[in-house]
Amino acid sequence: MPFFDLLQLALRNLREAKLRATLTSMGVIVGVAVIVTMVSFGLGLQRNLLSRFKALDLFSEMTVFGKSIAVAAGNLDRAGARRGSGDRQGPRLPNDFTPTRILDDAAINDIAKLPGVAYVEPFIGFTAQCRSNGKVFGRQISGATVPNSSSRFKEFAAGQMISSATADETVITEDTVRIAGYASAAEAVGKNLEFLAPATEGNPEANEEEPASFFGLPLGEEEGSKTKTSVVAAKTLRIVGVLKDPQQDGRPGPSRGLMPTADVYIPVQAARQWSLEHQGEQARVIMALARESGVLNEDQSPGYFSAVVRVNDPVALTDVRKRLRELGLGSFSIVDQLDQIRTVFLIINSVLGLLGGISLLVASFGIANTMIMSILERTREIGIMKAIGAEDREIKLIFFFEAAVIGLTGGVVGSLAAWAIDGLANRLAYRFLLKPQGASFVDFFSLPPYLWLGAILFALSVSILAALYPAARAARIDPVRALRHD
């Protein structure tokens, strides 16, 4: 029997039992809609997370660690070195690899020469007392490479990025603008920001032994001392830009990338010079131990705790990391966790799909029931077809075609229903959850073509499998008995 004749016969049989065929199709529609909706929600979560990582530069940057001077200089362990130092150390050192080389200027230069590396930004972070607009306040300072393509320097409330690596310029945050008492970010641009430091008069050797202080300011003078201590502006920079604060809806703000955040950004060279000239007591002890033990030569500069390496293409991350390990340096990248993240989402999507699959499994029983009822109603018709020469294979194909029509219709309509549910859920979430908080529209679902096409094929397959027993039963009908059937 030709294909179109079988299809026409199947459609005619379904039309004769419209209500039963419609109810059976509804079961498939609900099952497919549930599968597509739930899996698309899981895919949407994964897409939003990965896109956020990409927006945060986490696929274009990696953190590089060198051999800790505190560990190399004496008997301090990593944790003790971090606890003993009052300076900000930056991100935590991974435990899976122990670097063998100090991350000094020579290492920074070697990293910058690696293929695929756009630039290297050593981490230099410290706290300083600042003065601007007549107000004194403590701020976290960090060095920034200039020019800098990190996305944390893309959104400015006013002004622009530092012009050159040697310019006495700074970029501050909107929070710093408010603390300094400026009316707006635009008003702060062009004003000066001073770094304060104690200046000692009357005793030129007093600088070598600083008295106890609080945030760099002297607590008092010893009785009878002729030394007079005052505060001076040790460094003056011009404010050229104000970074926007992070958005209230959680979108990426100035804290993007792997580099720790700060309140004030200055060129790396200036930050390096200040940190060496105004290093704390514990840092000087560690440096002295390092030189005494021979870890550092007298003319050798201390290393950085970490640095951020930015690559031209995320594809080059793996190769650059291999080369860093060859240089004796450790590294960390979000790519390390990406496989685990994908595994988690695979489990989530599988569970969501399984829950939806249960609905489709229930629908398959409805299809089998419909086919069996169809056999009982059409026993005489089947006997007539077999009596005039219809083969068992053709009898089976008729039922397979009927089941396929139900499955295909249910799959298509179910996918359309899932698309409508996704759109409605997105708008309801925006209307009642996101919009009242001032957040922008977020698409919580992802409906790629392979998902709805796969759902349709899955529904079609389940429907045909559900018709296996009814079709085999119909083919086994004895035509003589069938003709006697009332």
Protein backbone atom coordinates (compact mmCIF):
# COMPACT_ATOMS: atom_id res chain seq x y z
CA MET A 1 0.00 0.00 0.00
CA PRO A 2 1.46 3.39 -0.98
CA PHE A 3 2.66 5.83 1.71
CA PHE A 4 0.01 8.48 1.06
CA ASP A 5 -2.76 5.89 1.07
CA LEU A 6 -1.61 4.70 4.50
CA LEU A 7 -1.47 8.28 5.75
CA GLN A 8 -4.91 9.06 4.36
CA LEU A 9 -6.36 5.94 5.94
CA ALA A 10 -4.77 6.79 9.33
CA LEU A 11 -6.14 10.33 9.24
CA ARG A 12 -9.60 9.04 8.37
CA ASN A 13 -9.56 6.61 11.28
CA LEU A 14 -8.52 9.37 13.66
CA ARG A 15 -11.27 11.67 12.40
CA GLU A 16 -13.85 9.01 13.14
CA ALA A 17 -12.83 9.13 16.82
CA LYS A 18 -12.10 12.85 17.19
CA LEU A 19 -12.65 13.13 20.92
CA ARG A 20 -10.50 10.14 21.81
CA ALA A 21 -7.73 11.19 19.43
CA THR A 22 -7.84 14.75 20.79
CA LEU A 23 -7.60 13.63 24.42
CA THR A 24 -4.74 11.28 23.57
CA SER A 25 -2.94 14.07 21.73
CA MET A 26 -3.44 16.36 24.73
CA GLY A 27 -1.46 13.93 26.86
CA VAL A 28 1.44 14.11 24.41
CA ILE A 29 1.14 17.89 24.19
CA VAL A 30 1.36 18.27 27.96
CA GLY A 31 4.32 15.89 28.18
CA VAL A 32 6.28 17.66 25.43
CA ALA A 33 5.43 21.10 26.83
CA VAL A 34 6.68 20.08 30.28
CA ILE A 35 9.91 18.61 28.90
CA VAL A 36 10.72 21.60 26.69
CA THR A 37 9.79 24.17 29.35
CA MET A 38 11.82 22.59 32.12
CA VAL A 39 14.89 21.82 30.02
CA SER A 40 14.79 25.28 28.42
CA PHE A 41 14.79 26.77 31.92
CA GLY A 42 17.92 24.79 32.81
CA LEU A 43 19.59 25.82 29.54
CA GLY A 44 18.59 29.41 30.22
CA LEU A 45 20.29 29.34 33.61
CA GLN A 46 23.44 27.93 32.03
CA ARG A 47 23.44 30.49 29.23
CA ASN A 48 22.91 33.41 31.63
CA LEU A 49 25.69 32.19 33.91
CA LEU A 50 28.21 31.70 31.11
CA SER A 51 27.31 35.02 29.50
CA ARG A 52 27.83 36.69 32.87
CA PHE A 53 31.26 35.06 33.14
CA LYS A 54 32.08 36.34 29.67
CA ALA A 55 30.89 39.85 30.53
CA LEU A 56 33.07 39.73 33.65
CA ASP A 57 36.19 38.96 31.56
CA LEU A 58 36.54 35.62 33.35
CA PHE A 59 37.22 33.82 30.06
CA SER A 60 39.87 36.33 28.97
CA GLU A 61 41.86 36.65 32.18
CA MET A 62 43.77 34.39 34.53
CA THR A 63 45.50 34.99 37.84
CA VAL A 64 49.22 34.15 38.03
CA PHE A 65 51.00 33.36 41.30
CA GLY A 66 54.69 33.28 42.04
CA LYS A 67 56.82 31.89 44.84
CA SER A 68 55.97 33.68 48.06
CA ILE A 69 58.91 35.63 49.48
CA ALA A 70 57.54 35.14 52.99
CA VAL A 71 57.66 31.35 52.54
CA ALA A 72 61.03 31.37 50.80
CA ALA A 73 62.66 33.71 53.35
CA GLY A 74 62.14 31.70 56.50
CA ASN A 75 59.92 29.39 58.45
CA LEU A 76 56.58 30.98 57.62
CA ASP A 77 53.96 28.91 55.91
CA ARG A 78 51.55 30.35 53.38
CA ALA A 79 48.77 30.83 55.88
CA GLY A 80 51.16 32.38 58.41
CA ALA A 81 52.53 34.76 55.82
CA ARG A 82 49.04 35.94 55.00
CA ARG A 83 48.05 36.29 58.67
CA GLY A 84 51.22 38.06 59.63
CA SER A 85 51.10 40.75 56.99
CA GLY A 86 48.78 43.68 57.35
CA ASP A 87 48.97 44.55 53.67
CA ARG A 88 46.29 43.36 51.31
CA GLN A 89 47.53 40.20 49.66
CA GLY A 90 44.96 39.72 46.94
CA PRO A 91 43.40 36.41 45.93
CA ARG A 92 44.09 33.16 47.74
CA LEU A 93 46.89 30.98 46.43
CA PRO A 94 45.73 27.61 45.02
CA ASN A 95 47.06 24.52 46.79
CA ASP A 96 47.34 22.22 43.76
CA PHE A 97 50.60 23.71 42.50
CA THR A 98 53.62 25.22 44.25
CA PRO A 99 55.37 27.91 42.18
CA THR A 100 59.16 27.77 42.06
CA ARG A 101 59.86 31.27 40.76
CA ILE A 102 59.30 34.65 42.37
CA LEU A 103 56.86 36.79 40.44
CA ASP A 104 59.20 39.75 40.04
CA ASP A 105 59.64 42.27 37.25
CA ALA A 106 61.73 39.83 35.21
CA ALA A 107 58.96 37.22 35.43
CA ILE A 108 56.38 39.84 34.43
CA ASN A 109 58.45 40.68 31.35
CA ASP A 110 58.76 36.97 30.44
CA ILE A 111 54.99 36.51 30.75
CA ALA A 112 54.33 39.53 28.56
CA LYS A 113 56.41 37.94 25.79
CA LEU A 114 54.36 34.73 25.69
CA PRO A 115 52.28 34.20 22.51
CA GLY A 116 48.65 35.10 23.01
CA VAL A 117 49.22 37.41 26.00
CA ALA A 118 47.75 40.90 25.56
CA TYR A 119 49.28 42.37 28.72
CA VAL A 120 50.19 41.53 32.32
CA GLU A 121 48.84 43.53 35.24
CA PRO A 122 50.66 42.87 38.54
CA PHE A 123 48.52 43.22 41.63
CA ILE A 124 49.63 46.05 43.92
CA GLY A 125 47.09 46.86 46.59
CA PHE A 126 47.44 48.94 49.75
CA THR A 127 45.45 51.23 52.01
CA ALA A 128 46.30 54.93 52.20
CA GLN A 129 44.94 58.04 53.85
CA CYS A 130 43.71 60.37 51.12
CA ARG A 131 42.65 63.98 51.04
CA SER A 132 40.43 65.66 48.49
CA ASN A 133 37.94 68.51 48.62
CA GLY A 134 39.24 69.31 52.11
CA LYS A 135 38.26 65.93 53.53
CA VAL A 136 40.52 63.12 54.77
CA PHE A 137 39.50 59.48 54.34
CA GLY A 138 41.04 56.04 54.04
CA ARG A 139 40.79 54.27 50.69
CA GLN A 140 41.94 51.02 49.12
CA ILE A 141 44.43 51.80 46.34
CA SER A 142 45.34 49.52 43.45
CA GLY A 143 47.66 49.77 40.49
CA ALA A 144 46.25 49.55 36.98
CA THR A 145 48.01 48.85 33.70
CA VAL A 146 47.69 51.67 31.16
CA PRO A 147 46.29 51.23 28.57
CA ASN A 148 43.85 48.69 30.03
CA SER A 149 41.19 46.80 28.06
CA SER A 150 39.50 45.25 31.08
CA SER A 151 35.76 45.79 31.13
CA ARG A 152 35.95 47.20 34.65
CA PHE A 153 37.26 50.40 33.06
CA LYS A 154 34.55 50.61 30.39
CA GLU A 155 31.71 52.30 32.26
CA PHE A 156 32.48 55.79 33.57
CA ALA A 157 30.09 58.08 35.37
CA ALA A 158 32.33 60.96 34.31
CA GLY A 159 35.74 61.47 32.75
CA GLN A 160 37.94 58.81 31.21
CA MET A 161 40.76 56.34 31.82
CA ILE A 162 44.27 57.37 32.88
CA SER A 163 46.07 58.77 29.84
CA SER A 164 49.49 57.14 30.22
CA ALA A 165 51.49 54.80 32.43
CA THR A 166 53.58 57.69 33.82
CA ALA A 167 50.83 60.27 34.31
CA ASP A 168 50.05 61.56 37.80
CA GLU A 169 46.40 60.74 37.30
CA THR A 170 43.85 58.58 39.07
CA VAL A 171 40.47 56.97 38.50
CA ILE A 172 38.15 56.72 41.49
CA THR A 173 34.77 55.16 42.25
CA GLU A 174 31.46 56.93 42.80
CA ASP A 175 31.63 55.87 46.43
CA THR A 176 34.89 57.79 46.80
CA VAL A 177 33.21 60.82 45.20
CA ARG A 178 30.49 60.73 47.84
CA ILE A 179 32.97 60.31 50.71
CA ALA A 180 35.00 63.26 49.42
CA GLY A 181 31.86 65.38 49.48
CA TYR A 182 31.60 66.19 45.80
CA ALA A 183 28.10 66.93 44.54
CA SER A 184 28.54 64.81 41.42
CA ALA A 185 31.06 62.68 39.57
CA ALA A 186 31.56 65.43 36.99
CA GLU A 187 32.52 67.87 39.74
CA ALA A 188 35.26 65.53 40.99
CA VAL A 189 36.92 65.25 37.58
CA GLY A 190 39.86 67.63 37.36
CA LYS A 191 40.29 67.95 41.14
CA ASN A 192 43.31 66.70 43.05
CA LEU A 193 43.59 63.62 45.25
CA GLU A 194 46.47 63.59 47.74
CA PHE A 195 48.10 60.63 49.43
CA LEU A 196 49.07 61.59 52.97
CA ALA A 197 52.19 60.45 54.81
CA PRO A 198 53.90 61.48 58.06
CA ALA A 199 56.75 63.96 57.76
CA THR A 200 59.22 64.21 60.64
CA GLU A 201 61.07 67.45 61.44
CA GLY A 202 63.97 68.04 63.83
CA ASN A 203 65.38 64.50 63.73
CA PRO A 204 66.45 63.20 60.31
CA GLU A 205 66.91 59.69 61.68
CA ALA A 206 63.37 59.48 63.02
CA ASN A 207 62.08 58.19 59.75
CA GLU A 208 64.04 55.00 60.26
CA GLU A 209 62.17 54.20 63.48
CA GLU A 210 58.59 55.25 63.13
CA PRO A 211 56.49 55.59 66.32
CA ALA A 212 53.28 53.68 66.84
CA SER A 213 50.64 55.01 64.50
CA PHE A 214 47.04 54.63 63.56
CA PHE A 215 46.40 54.58 59.78
CA GLY A 216 49.79 56.26 59.27
CA LEU A 217 49.06 59.09 61.77
CA PRO A 218 51.15 59.30 64.98
CA LEU A 219 49.40 58.44 68.22
CA GLY A 220 51.61 60.72 70.26
CA GLU A 221 55.15 61.83 71.00
CA GLU A 222 57.45 60.53 73.67
CA GLU A 223 58.01 62.87 76.55
CA GLY A 224 61.07 65.01 76.05
CA SER A 225 61.38 64.15 72.40
CA LYS A 226 62.48 66.94 70.13
CA THR A 227 61.04 65.25 67.07
CA LYS A 228 58.01 66.96 65.58
CA THR A 229 55.79 64.86 63.32
CA SER A 230 53.34 66.30 60.82
CA VAL A 231 51.32 65.10 57.87
CA VAL A 232 52.16 66.08 54.32
CA ALA A 233 50.79 65.30 50.87
CA ALA A 234 53.40 62.79 49.76
CA LYS A 235 51.81 62.36 46.33
CA THR A 236 49.27 64.42 44.42
CA LEU A 237 47.25 63.04 41.53
CA ARG A 238 44.59 64.55 39.31
CA ILE A 239 41.22 62.82 39.14
CA VAL A 240 40.52 62.10 35.46
CA GLY A 241 37.68 59.57 35.69
CA VAL A 242 34.94 58.25 37.95
CA LEU A 243 33.84 54.63 37.56
CA LYS A 244 30.18 53.76 37.78
CA ASP A 245 28.99 51.85 40.81
CA PRO A 246 27.67 48.30 40.24
CA GLN A 247 24.09 48.18 38.98
CA GLN A 248 21.39 47.45 41.51
CA ASP A 249 20.08 44.51 39.49
CA GLY A 250 23.34 42.64 39.85
CA ARG A 251 24.71 43.40 36.39
CA PRO A 252 28.52 43.59 36.12
CA GLY A 253 29.92 46.80 37.54
CA PRO A 254 33.48 48.05 38.03
CA SER A 255 34.38 44.85 39.92
CA ARG A 256 34.75 42.89 36.72
CA GLY A 257 37.61 40.55 35.98
CA LEU A 258 39.91 38.63 38.32
CA MET A 259 41.76 41.68 39.66
CA PRO A 260 40.59 42.54 43.22
CA THR A 261 38.51 45.69 43.43
CA ALA A 262 39.72 48.99 44.81
CA ASP A 263 38.43 52.50 45.52
CA VAL A 264 41.23 54.37 43.77
CA TYR A 265 43.22 53.25 40.72
CA ILE A 266 46.62 54.70 39.83
CA PRO A 267 49.27 53.61 37.29
CA VAL A 268 51.12 50.43 38.26
CA GLN A 269 54.47 52.20 38.31
CA ALA A 270 53.23 54.80 40.79
CA ALA A 271 51.58 52.15 42.94
CA ARG A 272 54.78 50.10 42.97
CA GLN A 273 56.88 53.08 44.02
CA TRP A 274 54.49 54.05 46.81
CA SER A 275 54.23 50.50 48.17
CA LEU A 276 58.04 50.25 48.38
CA GLU A 277 58.49 53.64 50.00
CA HIS A 278 55.67 53.19 52.49
CA GLN A 279 55.70 49.49 53.19
CA GLY A 280 54.57 48.34 56.62
CA GLU A 281 56.69 47.03 59.47
CA GLN A 282 55.89 43.37 58.78
CA ALA A 283 56.71 43.79 55.09
CA ARG A 284 60.13 45.24 55.99
CA VAL A 285 60.80 42.28 58.30
CA ILE A 286 59.96 39.81 55.55
CA MET A 287 62.17 41.69 53.08
CA ALA A 288 65.06 41.67 55.54
CA LEU A 289 64.67 37.93 56.10
CA ALA A 290 64.56 37.34 52.36
CA ARG A 291 67.81 39.22 51.83
CA GLU A 292 69.51 37.56 54.78
CA SER A 293 68.59 34.09 53.55
CA GLY A 294 69.80 34.90 50.05
CA VAL A 295 66.39 34.54 48.44
CA LEU A 296 66.70 38.15 47.29
CA ASN A 297 69.87 39.98 46.37
CA GLU A 298 70.45 43.48 47.65
CA ASP A 299 69.73 44.94 44.21
CA GLN A 300 66.81 42.61 43.43
CA SER A 301 63.26 43.93 43.70
CA PRO A 302 60.67 41.93 45.67
CA GLY A 303 58.06 40.02 43.78
CA TYR A 304 54.33 40.55 43.48
CA PHE A 305 51.88 38.31 45.23
CA SER A 306 49.91 37.83 42.03
CA ALA A 307 49.23 39.26 38.60
CA VAL A 308 46.39 39.15 36.11
CA VAL A 309 47.24 37.99 32.59
CA ARG A 310 44.85 39.02 29.84
CA VAL A 311 44.89 37.00 26.61
CA ASN A 312 43.91 38.11 23.12
CA ASP A 313 41.62 35.12 22.62
CA PRO A 314 40.05 32.85 25.29
CA VAL A 315 41.15 29.89 23.17
CA ALA A 316 44.77 30.74 24.03
CA LEU A 317 44.20 30.34 27.78
CA THR A 318 45.17 26.67 27.89
CA ASP A 319 48.41 27.13 25.94
CA VAL A 320 49.42 30.19 27.97
CA ARG A 321 48.83 28.31 31.22
CA LYS A 322 51.10 25.47 30.08
CA ARG A 323 53.85 27.96 29.31
CA LEU A 324 53.39 29.64 32.70
CA ARG A 325 53.87 26.32 34.44
CA GLU A 326 57.08 25.82 32.44
CA LEU A 327 58.25 29.19 33.77
CA GLY A 328 57.69 27.95 37.33
CA LEU A 329 54.58 30.02 37.93
CA GLY A 330 51.15 28.90 39.08
CA SER A 331 47.89 30.15 37.60
CA PHE A 332 44.17 30.08 38.20
CA SER A 333 41.37 30.52 35.67
CA ILE A 334 37.60 30.15 35.80
CA VAL A 335 38.08 27.58 33.02
CA ASP A 336 39.24 25.24 35.80
CA GLN A 337 35.73 25.26 37.17
CA LEU A 338 33.93 25.39 33.82
CA ASP A 339 33.81 21.60 33.34
CA GLN A 340 32.38 21.18 36.82
CA ILE A 341 29.80 23.88 36.11
CA ARG A 342 28.79 22.15 32.90
CA THR A 343 28.51 18.83 34.74
CA VAL A 344 26.22 20.42 37.32
CA PHE A 345 24.00 21.88 34.62
CA LEU A 346 23.99 18.54 32.79
CA ILE A 347 22.65 16.91 35.95
CA ILE A 348 20.07 19.67 36.40
CA ASN A 349 18.90 19.42 32.80
CA SER A 350 18.74 15.62 33.05
CA VAL A 351 16.59 15.79 36.18
CA LEU A 352 14.30 18.39 34.63
CA GLY A 353 14.02 16.33 31.44
CA LEU A 354 13.31 13.19 33.46
CA LEU A 355 10.44 14.90 35.25
CA GLY A 356 8.99 15.97 31.93
CA GLY A 357 9.62 12.52 30.48
CA ILE A 358 7.37 11.01 33.14
CA SER A 359 4.49 13.05 31.73
CA LEU A 360 5.26 11.79 28.24
CA LEU A 361 5.48 8.22 29.54
CA VAL A 362 2.00 8.56 30.99
CA ALA A 363 0.85 9.89 27.62
CA SER A 364 2.31 6.81 25.90
CA PHE A 365 -0.05 4.61 27.92
CA GLY A 366 -2.90 6.73 26.63
CA ILE A 367 -1.72 6.16 23.06
CA ALA A 368 -1.53 2.39 23.61
CA ASN A 369 -5.00 2.42 25.14
CA THR A 370 -6.38 4.39 22.19
CA MET A 371 -4.87 1.97 19.69
CA ILE A 372 -6.23 -1.07 21.55
CA MET A 373 -9.71 0.45 21.67
CA SER A 374 -9.39 1.17 17.97
CA ILE A 375 -8.64 -2.52 17.33
CA LEU A 376 -11.73 -3.63 19.21
CA GLU A 377 -13.90 -1.20 17.27
CA ARG A 378 -12.40 -2.06 13.88
CA THR A 379 -11.92 -5.81 14.18
CA ARG A 380 -14.36 -6.52 11.35
CA GLU A 381 -12.74 -3.86 9.17
CA ILE A 382 -9.32 -5.40 9.77
CA GLY A 383 -10.69 -8.82 8.85
CA ILE A 384 -12.08 -7.46 5.57
CA MET A 385 -8.73 -5.85 4.69
CA LYS A 386 -6.88 -9.11 5.40
CA ALA A 387 -9.49 -11.07 3.43
CA ILE A 388 -8.94 -8.95 0.31
CA GLY A 389 -5.16 -9.36 0.48
CA ALA A 390 -3.79 -6.90 3.05
CA GLU A 391 -0.55 -8.17 4.58
CA ASP A 392 0.31 -8.15 8.27
CA ARG A 393 2.97 -5.53 7.60
CA GLU A 394 0.40 -3.16 6.09
CA ILE A 395 -1.98 -3.66 9.03
CA LYS A 396 0.86 -2.74 11.40
CA LEU A 397 1.77 0.30 9.33
CA ILE A 398 -1.77 1.65 9.58
CA PHE A 399 -1.56 1.69 13.38
CA PHE A 400 1.98 3.00 13.32
CA PHE A 401 0.84 5.87 11.10
CA GLU A 402 -2.02 6.69 13.45
CA ALA A 403 0.33 6.73 16.44
CA ALA A 404 2.87 8.78 14.48
CA VAL A 405 0.24 11.39 13.61
CA ILE A 406 -0.70 11.67 17.28
CA GLY A 407 2.94 11.93 18.34
CA LEU A 408 3.89 14.43 15.64
CA THR A 409 0.87 16.62 16.35
CA GLY A 410 1.50 16.46 20.08
CA GLY A 411 5.20 17.24 19.63
CA VAL A 412 4.63 20.28 17.42
CA VAL A 413 1.79 21.71 19.46
CA GLY A 414 3.63 20.92 22.71
CA SER A 415 6.74 22.76 21.52
CA LEU A 416 4.62 25.78 20.54
CA ALA A 417 2.93 25.65 23.93
CA ALA A 418 6.33 25.54 25.65
CA TRP A 419 7.46 28.58 23.64
CA ALA A 420 4.32 30.44 24.72
CA ILE A 421 4.83 29.39 28.36
CA ASP A 422 8.45 30.57 28.28
CA GLY A 423 7.46 33.94 26.88
CA LEU A 424 4.65 34.39 29.37
CA ALA A 425 6.83 33.36 32.31
CA ASN A 426 9.56 35.82 31.26
CA ARG A 427 7.10 38.69 31.10
CA LEU A 428 5.44 37.81 34.37
CA ALA A 429 8.83 37.56 36.09
CA TYR A 430 9.82 40.95 34.68
CA ARG A 431 6.49 42.54 35.58
CA PHE A 432 6.24 41.31 39.16
CA LEU A 433 9.85 40.54 40.17
CA LEU A 434 12.42 42.47 38.16
CA LYS A 435 10.67 45.71 37.26
CA PRO A 436 9.67 46.63 40.86
CA GLN A 437 13.39 46.39 41.75
CA GLY A 438 14.46 48.51 38.80
CA ALA A 439 16.11 45.58 37.05
CA SER A 440 16.23 45.11 33.31
CA PHE A 441 14.49 42.33 31.38
CA VAL A 442 16.14 38.90 31.68
CA ASP A 443 15.35 35.91 29.49
CA PHE A 444 15.27 32.98 31.92
CA PHE A 445 14.69 30.38 29.19
CA SER A 446 16.75 29.17 26.25
CA LEU A 447 14.91 27.36 23.45
CA PRO A 448 17.51 26.32 20.86
CA PRO A 449 16.34 24.51 17.70
CA TYR A 450 17.86 21.20 18.78
CA LEU A 451 15.67 21.22 21.90
CA TRP A 452 12.27 21.53 20.26
CA LEU A 453 13.29 19.37 17.30
CA GLY A 454 14.53 16.72 19.71
CA ALA A 455 11.31 16.96 21.70
CA ILE A 456 9.22 16.41 18.55
CA LEU A 457 11.33 13.41 17.53
CA PHE A 458 11.15 12.03 21.06
CA ALA A 459 7.36 12.34 21.11
CA LEU A 460 7.19 10.67 17.70
CA SER A 461 9.40 7.80 18.87
CA VAL A 462 7.47 7.28 22.10
CA SER A 463 4.18 7.24 20.18
CA ILE A 464 5.43 4.62 17.73
CA LEU A 465 6.82 2.49 20.55
CA ALA A 466 3.48 2.74 22.33
CA ALA A 467 1.80 1.36 19.20
CA LEU A 468 4.03 -1.72 18.94
CA TYR A 469 1.78 -4.00 20.94
CA PRO A 470 -1.54 -2.77 19.46
CA ALA A 471 -0.13 -3.06 15.91
CA ALA A 472 1.17 -6.58 16.54
CA ARG A 473 -2.16 -7.55 18.05
CA ALA A 474 -4.04 -6.18 15.05
CA ALA A 475 -1.79 -8.11 12.65
CA ARG A 476 -2.49 -11.36 14.48
CA ILE A 477 -6.29 -11.10 14.05
CA ASP A 478 -7.76 -14.12 12.29
CA PRO A 479 -9.72 -12.81 9.27
CA VAL A 480 -12.35 -15.62 9.58
CA ARG A 481 -13.12 -14.71 13.21
CA ALA A 482 -12.94 -11.03 12.39
CA LEU A 483 -15.61 -11.36 9.70
CA ARG A 484 -17.89 -13.07 12.23
CA HIS A 485 -17.31 -10.20 14.74
CA ASP A 486 -20.40 -8.09 15.36
